[in-house]
């Protein structure tokens, strides 16, 4: 849902409470399939390890160039995650 909303294919979640209730009801009915969960877990673990490694290498005070580089890396990580979701969705359709 969040991926579809981010790409303009869905209006988005207007009420988090209602959305969560719908997800819980579908889980109780055996209709909920957490298809993205394994990839999200893997992505979060890899990203966390990369961030920890970067913090160990980085000095306490970063220069402006280092801050810009870290920002660019975060932007790329988010773009990679979005691409992963879009690719999976297209793979399932194909």
PDB file of N, CA and C in Angstrom:
ATOM      1  N   UNK A   1       0.823  -1.184   0.000  1.00  0.00           N
ATOM      2  CA  UNK A   1       0.000   0.000   0.000  1.00  0.00           C
ATOM      3  C   UNK A   1       0.870   1.252   0.000  1.00  0.00           C
ATOM      4  N   UNK A   2       1.884   1.277   0.873  1.00  0.00           N
ATOM      5  CA  UNK A   2       2.759   2.444   0.936  1.00  0.00           C
ATOM      6  C   UNK A   2       3.538   2.626  -0.357  1.00  0.00           C
ATOM      7  N   UNK A   3       3.967   1.525  -0.927  1.00  0.00           N
ATOM      8  CA  UNK A   3       4.693   1.588  -2.194  1.00  0.00           C
ATOM      9  C   UNK A   3       3.796   2.109  -3.303  1.00  0.00           C
ATOM     10  N   UNK A   4       2.563   1.633  -3.353  1.00  0.00           N
ATOM     11  CA  UNK A   4       1.615   2.085  -4.376  1.00  0.00           C
ATOM     12  C   UNK A   4       1.288   3.561  -4.179  1.00  0.00           C
ATOM     13  N   UNK A   5       1.142   3.991  -2.946  1.00  0.00           N
ATOM     14  CA  UNK A   5       0.856   5.399  -2.675  1.00  0.00           C
ATOM     15  C   UNK A   5       2.034   6.268  -3.079  1.00  0.00           C
ATOM     16  N   UNK A   6       3.244   5.784  -2.822  1.00  0.00           N
ATOM     17  CA  UNK A   6       4.440   6.537  -3.186  1.00  0.00           C
ATOM     18  C   UNK A   6       4.607   6.707  -4.680  1.00  0.00           C
ATOM     19  N   UNK A   7       4.090   5.768  -5.440  1.00  0.00           N
ATOM     20  CA  UNK A   7       4.209   5.851  -6.892  1.00  0.00           C
ATOM     21  C   UNK A   7       2.966   6.457  -7.543  1.00  0.00           C
ATOM     22  N   UNK A   8       2.019   6.930  -6.717  1.00  0.00           N
ATOM     23  CA  UNK A   8       0.826   7.574  -7.243  1.00  0.00           C
ATOM     24  C   UNK A   8      -0.251   6.613  -7.725  1.00  0.00           C
ATOM     25  N   UNK A   9      -0.114   5.326  -7.437  1.00  0.00           N
ATOM     26  CA  UNK A   9      -1.095   4.333  -7.880  1.00  0.00           C
ATOM     27  C   UNK A   9      -2.185   4.087  -6.850  1.00  0.00           C
ATOM     28  N   UNK A  10      -2.064   4.703  -5.696  1.00  0.00           N
ATOM     29  CA  UNK A  10      -3.060   4.545  -4.648  1.00  0.00           C
ATOM     30  C   UNK A  10      -3.144   5.860  -3.881  1.00  0.00           C
ATOM     31  N   UNK A  11      -4.305   6.169  -3.368  1.00  0.00           N
ATOM     32  CA  UNK A  11      -4.498   7.438  -2.667  1.00  0.00           C
ATOM     33  C   UNK A  11      -3.715   7.514  -1.360  1.00  0.00           C
ATOM     34  N   UNK A  12      -3.308   6.404  -0.828  1.00  0.00           N
ATOM     35  CA  UNK A  12      -2.565   6.409   0.416  1.00  0.00           C
ATOM     36  C   UNK A  12      -3.444   6.039   1.592  1.00  0.00           C
ATOM     37  N   UNK A  13      -2.859   6.007   2.747  1.00  0.00           N
ATOM     38  CA  UNK A  13      -3.574   5.636   3.962  1.00  0.00           C
ATOM     39  C   UNK A  13      -4.078   6.921   4.611  1.00  0.00           C
ATOM     40  N   UNK A  14      -5.382   7.074   4.643  1.00  0.00           N
ATOM     41  CA  UNK A  14      -5.966   8.281   5.248  1.00  0.00           C
ATOM     42  C   UNK A  14      -6.115   8.114   6.748  1.00  0.00           C
ATOM     43  N   UNK A  15      -6.437   6.913   7.180  1.00  0.00           N
ATOM     44  CA  UNK A  15      -6.600   6.627   8.600  1.00  0.00           C
ATOM     45  C   UNK A  15      -5.751   5.410   8.931  1.00  0.00           C
ATOM     46  N   UNK A  16      -4.678   5.631   9.633  1.00  0.00           N
ATOM     47  CA  UNK A  16      -3.788   4.531  10.006  1.00  0.00           C
ATOM     48  C   UNK A  16      -4.538   3.521  10.860  1.00  0.00           C
ATOM     49  N   UNK A  17      -5.377   4.007  11.722  1.00  0.00           N
ATOM     50  CA  UNK A  17      -6.148   3.113  12.602  1.00  0.00           C
ATOM     51  C   UNK A  17      -7.046   2.183  11.780  1.00  0.00           C
ATOM     52  N   UNK A  18      -7.774   2.742  10.815  1.00  0.00           N
ATOM     53  CA  UNK A  18      -8.654   1.922   9.967  1.00  0.00           C
ATOM     54  C   UNK A  18      -7.858   0.946   9.122  1.00  0.00           C
ATOM     55  N   UNK A  19      -6.731   1.418   8.598  1.00  0.00           N
ATOM     56  CA  UNK A  19      -5.888   0.549   7.763  1.00  0.00           C
ATOM     57  C   UNK A  19      -5.356  -0.611   8.592  1.00  0.00           C
ATOM     58  N   UNK A  20      -4.874  -0.313   9.798  1.00  0.00           N
ATOM     59  CA  UNK A  20      -4.335  -1.360  10.659  1.00  0.00           C
ATOM     60  C   UNK A  20      -5.425  -2.364  11.035  1.00  0.00           C
ATOM     61  N   UNK A  21      -6.616  -1.882  11.306  1.00  0.00           N
ATOM     62  CA  UNK A  21      -7.736  -2.779  11.606  1.00  0.00           C
ATOM     63  C   UNK A  21      -8.037  -3.693  10.414  1.00  0.00           C
ATOM     64  N   UNK A  22      -8.000  -3.133   9.213  1.00  0.00           N
ATOM     65  CA  UNK A  22      -8.240  -3.945   8.008  1.00  0.00           C
ATOM     66  C   UNK A  22      -7.147  -4.997   7.837  1.00  0.00           C
ATOM     67  N   UNK A  23      -5.911  -4.634   8.099  1.00  0.00           N
ATOM     68  CA  UNK A  23      -4.800  -5.592   8.003  1.00  0.00           C
ATOM     69  C   UNK A  23      -4.973  -6.700   9.039  1.00  0.00           C
ATOM     70  N   UNK A  24      -5.328  -6.329  10.257  1.00  0.00           N
ATOM     71  CA  UNK A  24      -5.522  -7.337  11.305  1.00  0.00           C
ATOM     72  C   UNK A  24      -6.682  -8.269  10.961  1.00  0.00           C
ATOM     73  N   UNK A  25      -7.775  -7.706  10.445  1.00  0.00           N
ATOM     74  CA  UNK A  25      -8.913  -8.540  10.061  1.00  0.00           C
ATOM     75  C   UNK A  25      -8.538  -9.504   8.934  1.00  0.00           C
ATOM     76  N   UNK A  26      -7.750  -9.043   7.979  1.00  0.00           N
ATOM     77  CA  UNK A  26      -7.345  -9.943   6.895  1.00  0.00           C
ATOM     78  C   UNK A  26      -6.402 -11.020   7.420  1.00  0.00           C
ATOM     79  N   UNK A  27      -5.576 -10.682   8.414  1.00  0.00           N
ATOM     80  CA  UNK A  27      -4.686 -11.682   9.018  1.00  0.00           C
ATOM     81  C   UNK A  27      -5.497 -12.744   9.754  1.00  0.00           C
ATOM     82  N   UNK A  28      -6.505 -12.315  10.499  1.00  0.00           N
ATOM     83  CA  UNK A  28      -7.363 -13.254  11.229  1.00  0.00           C
ATOM     84  C   UNK A  28      -8.098 -14.166  10.247  1.00  0.00           C
ATOM     85  N   UNK A  29      -8.506 -13.609   9.109  1.00  0.00           N
ATOM     86  CA  UNK A  29      -9.228 -14.387   8.097  1.00  0.00           C
ATOM     87  C   UNK A  29      -8.288 -15.254   7.260  1.00  0.00           C
ATOM     88  N   UNK A  30      -6.974 -15.121   7.494  1.00  0.00           N
ATOM     89  CA  UNK A  30      -6.008 -15.910   6.738  1.00  0.00           C
ATOM     90  C   UNK A  30      -5.758 -15.379   5.340  1.00  0.00           C
ATOM     91  N   UNK A  31      -6.083 -14.111   5.111  1.00  0.00           N
ATOM     92  CA  UNK A  31      -5.944 -13.511   3.782  1.00  0.00           C
ATOM     93  C   UNK A  31      -4.724 -12.606   3.654  1.00  0.00           C
ATOM     94  N   UNK A  32      -4.066 -12.299   4.768  1.00  0.00           N
ATOM     95  CA  UNK A  32      -2.928 -11.385   4.735  1.00  0.00           C
ATOM     96  C   UNK A  32      -1.653 -12.154   4.418  1.00  0.00           C
ATOM     97  N   UNK A  33      -0.938 -11.688   3.409  1.00  0.00           N
ATOM     98  CA  UNK A  33       0.330 -12.312   3.022  1.00  0.00           C
ATOM     99  C   UNK A  33       1.415 -11.230   3.086  1.00  0.00           C
ATOM    100  N   UNK A  34       2.328 -11.341   4.052  1.00  0.00           N
ATOM    101  CA  UNK A  34       3.376 -10.311   4.189  1.00  0.00           C
ATOM    102  C   UNK A  34       4.474 -10.515   3.139  1.00  0.00           C
ATOM    103  N   UNK A  35       4.149 -10.241   1.886  1.00  0.00           N
ATOM    104  CA  UNK A  35       5.051 -10.553   0.782  1.00  0.00           C
ATOM    105  C   UNK A  35       6.352  -9.760   0.793  1.00  0.00           C
ATOM    106  N   UNK A  36       6.351  -8.559   1.340  1.00  0.00           N
ATOM    107  CA  UNK A  36       7.564  -7.747   1.318  1.00  0.00           C
ATOM    108  C   UNK A  36       8.399  -7.889   2.584  1.00  0.00           C
ATOM    109  N   UNK A  37       7.847  -8.520   3.611  1.00  0.00           N
ATOM    110  CA  UNK A  37       8.521  -8.587   4.909  1.00  0.00           C
ATOM    111  C   UNK A  37       9.940  -9.158   4.849  1.00  0.00           C
ATOM    112  N   UNK A  38      10.184 -10.299   4.178  1.00  0.00           N
ATOM    113  CA  UNK A  38      11.557 -10.822   4.175  1.00  0.00           C
ATOM    114  C   UNK A  38      12.558  -9.861   3.535  1.00  0.00           C
ATOM    115  N   UNK A  39      12.154  -9.203   2.460  1.00  0.00           N
ATOM    116  CA  UNK A  39      13.070  -8.264   1.807  1.00  0.00           C
ATOM    117  C   UNK A  39      13.307  -7.025   2.655  1.00  0.00           C
ATOM    118  N   UNK A  40      12.277  -6.569   3.357  1.00  0.00           N
ATOM    119  CA  UNK A  40      12.435  -5.406   4.219  1.00  0.00           C
ATOM    120  C   UNK A  40      13.378  -5.738   5.367  1.00  0.00           C
ATOM    121  N   UNK A  41      13.221  -6.917   5.957  1.00  0.00           N
ATOM    122  CA  UNK A  41      14.108  -7.339   7.046  1.00  0.00           C
ATOM    123  C   UNK A  41      15.551  -7.398   6.557  1.00  0.00           C
ATOM    124  N   UNK A  42      15.757  -7.994   5.396  1.00  0.00           N
ATOM    125  CA  UNK A  42      17.104  -8.109   4.832  1.00  0.00           C
ATOM    126  C   UNK A  42      17.686  -6.723   4.546  1.00  0.00           C
ATOM    127  N   UNK A  43      16.871  -5.846   3.939  1.00  0.00           N
ATOM    128  CA  UNK A  43      17.337  -4.500   3.611  1.00  0.00           C
ATOM    129  C   UNK A  43      17.701  -3.739   4.880  1.00  0.00           C
ATOM    130  N   UNK A  44      16.838  -3.821   5.920  1.00  0.00           N
ATOM    131  CA  UNK A  44      17.113  -3.116   7.172  1.00  0.00           C
ATOM    132  C   UNK A  44      18.397  -3.615   7.825  1.00  0.00           C
ATOM    133  N   UNK A  45      18.596  -4.924   7.808  1.00  0.00           N
ATOM    134  CA  UNK A  45      19.811  -5.493   8.411  1.00  0.00           C
ATOM    135  C   UNK A  45      21.053  -5.012   7.663  1.00  0.00           C
ATOM    136  N   UNK A  46      21.022  -5.089   6.346  1.00  0.00           N
ATOM    137  CA  UNK A  46      22.163  -4.642   5.547  1.00  0.00           C
ATOM    138  C   UNK A  46      22.432  -3.155   5.746  1.00  0.00           C
ATOM    139  N   UNK A  47      21.358  -2.362   5.767  1.00  0.00           N
ATOM    140  CA  UNK A  47      21.511  -0.917   5.943  1.00  0.00           C
ATOM    141  C   UNK A  47      22.060  -0.606   7.318  1.00  0.00           C
ATOM    142  N   UNK A  48      21.567  -1.299   8.356  1.00  0.00           N
ATOM    143  CA  UNK A  48      22.062  -1.074   9.709  1.00  0.00           C
ATOM    144  C   UNK A  48      23.546  -1.408   9.807  1.00  0.00           C
ATOM    145  N   UNK A  49      23.945  -2.527   9.213  1.00  0.00           N
ATOM    146  CA  UNK A  49      25.362  -2.905   9.229  1.00  0.00           C
ATOM    147  C   UNK A  49      26.211  -1.863   8.508  1.00  0.00           C
ATOM    148  N   UNK A  50      25.722  -1.362   7.396  1.00  0.00           N
ATOM    149  CA  UNK A  50      26.460  -0.346   6.647  1.00  0.00           C
ATOM    150  C   UNK A  50      26.578   0.949   7.453  1.00  0.00           C
ATOM    151  N   UNK A  51      25.494   1.333   8.123  1.00  0.00           N
ATOM    152  CA  UNK A  51      25.522   2.556   8.932  1.00  0.00           C
ATOM    153  C   UNK A  51      26.480   2.400  10.112  1.00  0.00           C
ATOM    154  N   UNK A  52      26.471   1.238  10.748  1.00  0.00           N
ATOM    155  CA  UNK A  52      27.380   1.004  11.874  1.00  0.00           C
ATOM    156  C   UNK A  52      28.827   1.049  11.404  1.00  0.00           C
ATOM    157  N   UNK A  53      29.102   0.436  10.264  1.00  0.00           N
ATOM    158  CA  UNK A  53      30.464   0.458   9.727  1.00  0.00           C
ATOM    159  C   UNK A  53      30.885   1.883   9.390  1.00  0.00           C
ATOM    160  N   UNK A  54      29.970   2.663   8.838  1.00  0.00           N
ATOM    161  CA  UNK A  54      30.284   4.046   8.482  1.00  0.00           C
ATOM    162  C   UNK A  54      30.552   4.867   9.740  1.00  0.00           C
ATOM    163  N   UNK A  55      29.782   4.627  10.808  1.00  0.00           N
ATOM    164  CA  UNK A  55      29.990   5.368  12.049  1.00  0.00           C
ATOM    165  C   UNK A  55      31.333   5.036  12.682  1.00  0.00           C
ATOM    166  N   UNK A  56      31.769   3.783  12.559  1.00  0.00           N
ATOM    167  CA  UNK A  56      33.066   3.404  13.115  1.00  0.00           C
ATOM    168  C   UNK A  56      34.215   4.092  12.378  1.00  0.00           C
ATOM    169  N   UNK A  57      34.039   4.285  11.080  1.00  0.00           N
ATOM    170  CA  UNK A  57      35.077   4.926  10.267  1.00  0.00           C
ATOM    171  C   UNK A  57      35.045   6.440  10.370  1.00  0.00           C
ATOM    172  N   UNK A  58      33.869   7.002  10.605  1.00  0.00           N
ATOM    173  CA  UNK A  58      33.695   8.453  10.568  1.00  0.00           C
ATOM    174  C   UNK A  58      34.186   9.104  11.850  1.00  0.00           C
ATOM    175  N   UNK A  59      34.848  10.239  11.725  1.00  0.00           N
ATOM    176  CA  UNK A  59      35.230  10.986  12.927  1.00  0.00           C
ATOM    177  C   UNK A  59      33.977  11.604  13.557  1.00  0.00           C
ATOM    178  N   UNK A  60      34.129  12.046  14.795  1.00  0.00           N
ATOM    179  CA  UNK A  60      32.989  12.618  15.504  1.00  0.00           C
ATOM    180  C   UNK A  60      32.453  13.830  14.749  1.00  0.00           C
ATOM    181  N   UNK A  61      33.332  14.683  14.301  1.00  0.00           N
ATOM    182  CA  UNK A  61      32.929  15.853  13.523  1.00  0.00           C
ATOM    183  C   UNK A  61      33.160  15.559  12.044  1.00  0.00           C
ATOM    184  N   UNK A  62      32.112  15.731  11.251  1.00  0.00           N
ATOM    185  CA  UNK A  62      32.234  15.488   9.816  1.00  0.00           C
ATOM    186  C   UNK A  62      32.346  16.817   9.087  1.00  0.00           C
ATOM    187  N   UNK A  63      33.118  16.776   8.028  1.00  0.00           N
ATOM    188  CA  UNK A  63      33.212  17.962   7.183  1.00  0.00           C
ATOM    189  C   UNK A  63      31.936  18.074   6.361  1.00  0.00           C
ATOM    190  N   UNK A  64      31.738  19.204   5.725  1.00  0.00           N
ATOM    191  CA  UNK A  64      30.559  19.396   4.889  1.00  0.00           C
ATOM    192  C   UNK A  64      30.532  18.373   3.755  1.00  0.00           C
ATOM    193  N   UNK A  65      31.693  18.078   3.174  1.00  0.00           N
ATOM    194  CA  UNK A  65      31.755  17.091   2.088  1.00  0.00           C
ATOM    195  C   UNK A  65      31.338  15.707   2.584  1.00  0.00           C
ATOM    196  N   UNK A  66      31.768  15.350   3.788  1.00  0.00           N
ATOM    197  CA  UNK A  66      31.401  14.047   4.360  1.00  0.00           C
ATOM    198  C   UNK A  66      29.906  13.983   4.666  1.00  0.00           C
ATOM    199  N   UNK A  67      29.355  15.083   5.167  1.00  0.00           N
ATOM    200  CA  UNK A  67      27.913  15.113   5.425  1.00  0.00           C
ATOM    201  C   UNK A  67      27.122  14.976   4.124  1.00  0.00           C
ATOM    202  N   UNK A  68      27.595  15.640   3.075  1.00  0.00           N
ATOM    203  CA  UNK A  68      26.915  15.546   1.779  1.00  0.00           C
ATOM    204  C   UNK A  68      27.017  14.128   1.217  1.00  0.00           C
ATOM    205  N   UNK A  69      28.177  13.487   1.404  1.00  0.00           N
ATOM    206  CA  UNK A  69      28.347  12.125   0.929  1.00  0.00           C
ATOM    207  C   UNK A  69      27.411  11.168   1.678  1.00  0.00           C
ATOM    208  N   UNK A  70      27.305  11.322   2.995  1.00  0.00           N
ATOM    209  CA  UNK A  70      26.415  10.486   3.792  1.00  0.00           C
ATOM    210  C   UNK A  70      24.964  10.709   3.381  1.00  0.00           C
ATOM    211  N   UNK A  71      24.615  11.953   3.118  1.00  0.00           N
ATOM    212  CA  UNK A  71      23.248  12.260   2.669  1.00  0.00           C
ATOM    213  C   UNK A  71      22.961  11.589   1.337  1.00  0.00           C
ATOM    214  N   UNK A  72      23.917  11.655   0.417  1.00  0.00           N
ATOM    215  CA  UNK A  72      23.750  11.015  -0.894  1.00  0.00           C
ATOM    216  C   UNK A  72      23.597   9.501  -0.743  1.00  0.00           C
ATOM    217  N   UNK A  73      24.345   8.902   0.188  1.00  0.00           N
ATOM    218  CA  UNK A  73      24.233   7.463   0.429  1.00  0.00           C
ATOM    219  C   UNK A  73      22.852   7.103   0.978  1.00  0.00           C
ATOM    220  N   UNK A  74      22.309   7.942   1.860  1.00  0.00           N
ATOM    221  CA  UNK A  74      20.965   7.688   2.386  1.00  0.00           C
ATOM    222  C   UNK A  74      19.923   7.801   1.278  1.00  0.00           C
ATOM    223  N   UNK A  75      20.061   8.790   0.426  1.00  0.00           N
ATOM    224  CA  UNK A  75      19.124   8.968  -0.683  1.00  0.00           C
ATOM    225  C   UNK A  75      19.191   7.765  -1.618  1.00  0.00           C
ATOM    226  N   UNK A  76      20.403   7.277  -1.889  1.00  0.00           N
ATOM    227  CA  UNK A  76      20.560   6.113  -2.763  1.00  0.00           C
ATOM    228  C   UNK A  76      19.944   4.873  -2.123  1.00  0.00           C
ATOM    229  N   UNK A  77      20.120   4.714  -0.815  1.00  0.00           N
ATOM    230  CA  UNK A  77      19.551   3.552  -0.123  1.00  0.00           C
ATOM    231  C   UNK A  77      18.025   3.560  -0.219  1.00  0.00           C
ATOM    232  N   UNK A  78      17.435   4.726  -0.071  1.00  0.00           N
ATOM    233  CA  UNK A  78      15.971   4.826  -0.186  1.00  0.00           C
ATOM    234  C   UNK A  78      15.535   4.526  -1.610  1.00  0.00           C
ATOM    235  N   UNK A  79      16.262   5.051  -2.591  1.00  0.00           N
ATOM    236  CA  UNK A  79      15.934   4.774  -3.995  1.00  0.00           C
ATOM    237  C   UNK A  79      16.071   3.288  -4.303  1.00  0.00           C
ATOM    238  N   UNK A  80      17.101   2.648  -3.750  1.00  0.00           N
ATOM    239  CA  UNK A  80      17.291   1.209  -3.956  1.00  0.00           C
ATOM    240  C   UNK A  80      16.120   0.417  -3.375  1.00  0.00           C
ATOM    241  N   UNK A  81      15.668   0.818  -2.192  1.00  0.00           N
ATOM    242  CA  UNK A  81      14.540   0.137  -1.563  1.00  0.00           C
ATOM    243  C   UNK A  81      13.276   0.294  -2.408  1.00  0.00           C
ATOM    244  N   UNK A  82      13.038   1.504  -2.902  1.00  0.00           N
ATOM    245  CA  UNK A  82      11.869   1.729  -3.757  1.00  0.00           C
ATOM    246  C   UNK A  82      11.963   0.893  -5.028  1.00  0.00           C
ATOM    247  N   UNK A  83      13.150   0.833  -5.621  1.00  0.00           N
ATOM    248  CA  UNK A  83      13.334   0.044  -6.839  1.00  0.00           C
ATOM    249  C   UNK A  83      13.093  -1.433  -6.568  1.00  0.00           C
ATOM    250  N   UNK A  84      13.516  -1.895  -5.388  1.00  0.00           N
ATOM    251  CA  UNK A  84      13.305  -3.288  -5.030  1.00  0.00           C
ATOM    252  C   UNK A  84      11.808  -3.595  -4.989  1.00  0.00           C
ATOM    253  N   UNK A  85      11.030  -2.698  -4.378  1.00  0.00           N
ATOM    254  CA  UNK A  85       9.588  -2.916  -4.314  1.00  0.00           C
ATOM    255  C   UNK A  85       8.955  -2.878  -5.689  1.00  0.00           C
ATOM    256  N   UNK A  86       9.345  -1.914  -6.496  1.00  0.00           N
ATOM    257  CA  UNK A  86       8.768  -1.804  -7.836  1.00  0.00           C
ATOM    258  C   UNK A  86       9.148  -3.006  -8.684  1.00  0.00           C
ATOM    259  N   UNK A  87      10.368  -3.478  -8.574  1.00  0.00           N
ATOM    260  CA  UNK A  87      10.814  -4.647  -9.329  1.00  0.00           C
ATOM    261  C   UNK A  87      10.075  -5.898  -8.931  1.00  0.00           C
ATOM    262  N   UNK A  88       9.855  -6.080  -7.621  1.00  0.00           N
ATOM    263  CA  UNK A  88       9.123  -7.261  -7.156  1.00  0.00           C
ATOM    264  C   UNK A  88       7.697  -7.251  -7.659  1.00  0.00           C
ATOM    265  N   UNK A  89       7.084  -6.091  -7.616  1.00  0.00           N
ATOM    266  CA  UNK A  89       5.702  -5.988  -8.049  1.00  0.00           C
ATOM    267  C   UNK A  89       5.611  -6.294  -9.556  1.00  0.00           C
ATOM    268  N   UNK A  90       6.570  -5.802 -10.315  1.00  0.00           N
ATOM    269  CA  UNK A  90       6.569  -6.086 -11.755  1.00  0.00           C
ATOM    270  C   UNK A  90       6.875  -7.544 -12.038  1.00  0.00           C
ATOM    271  N   UNK A  91       7.746  -8.185 -11.236  1.00  0.00           N
ATOM    272  CA  UNK A  91       8.067  -9.602 -11.414  1.00  0.00           C
ATOM    273  C   UNK A  91       6.835 -10.458 -11.195  1.00  0.00           C
ATOM    274  N   UNK A  92       6.023 -10.110 -10.244  1.00  0.00           N
ATOM    275  CA  UNK A  92       4.818 -10.895  -9.946  1.00  0.00           C
ATOM    276  C   UNK A  92       3.786 -10.766 -11.068  1.00  0.00           C
ATOM    277  N   UNK A  93       3.762  -9.625 -11.734  1.00  0.00           N
ATOM    278  CA  UNK A  93       2.810  -9.423 -12.825  1.00  0.00           C
ATOM    279  C   UNK A  93       3.233 -10.161 -14.082  1.00  0.00           C
ATOM    280  N   UNK A  94       4.550 -10.224 -14.282  1.00  0.00           N
ATOM    281  CA  UNK A  94       5.092 -10.783 -15.515  1.00  0.00           C
ATOM    282  C   UNK A  94       4.927 -12.236 -15.586  1.00  0.00           C
TER     283      UNK A  94
END
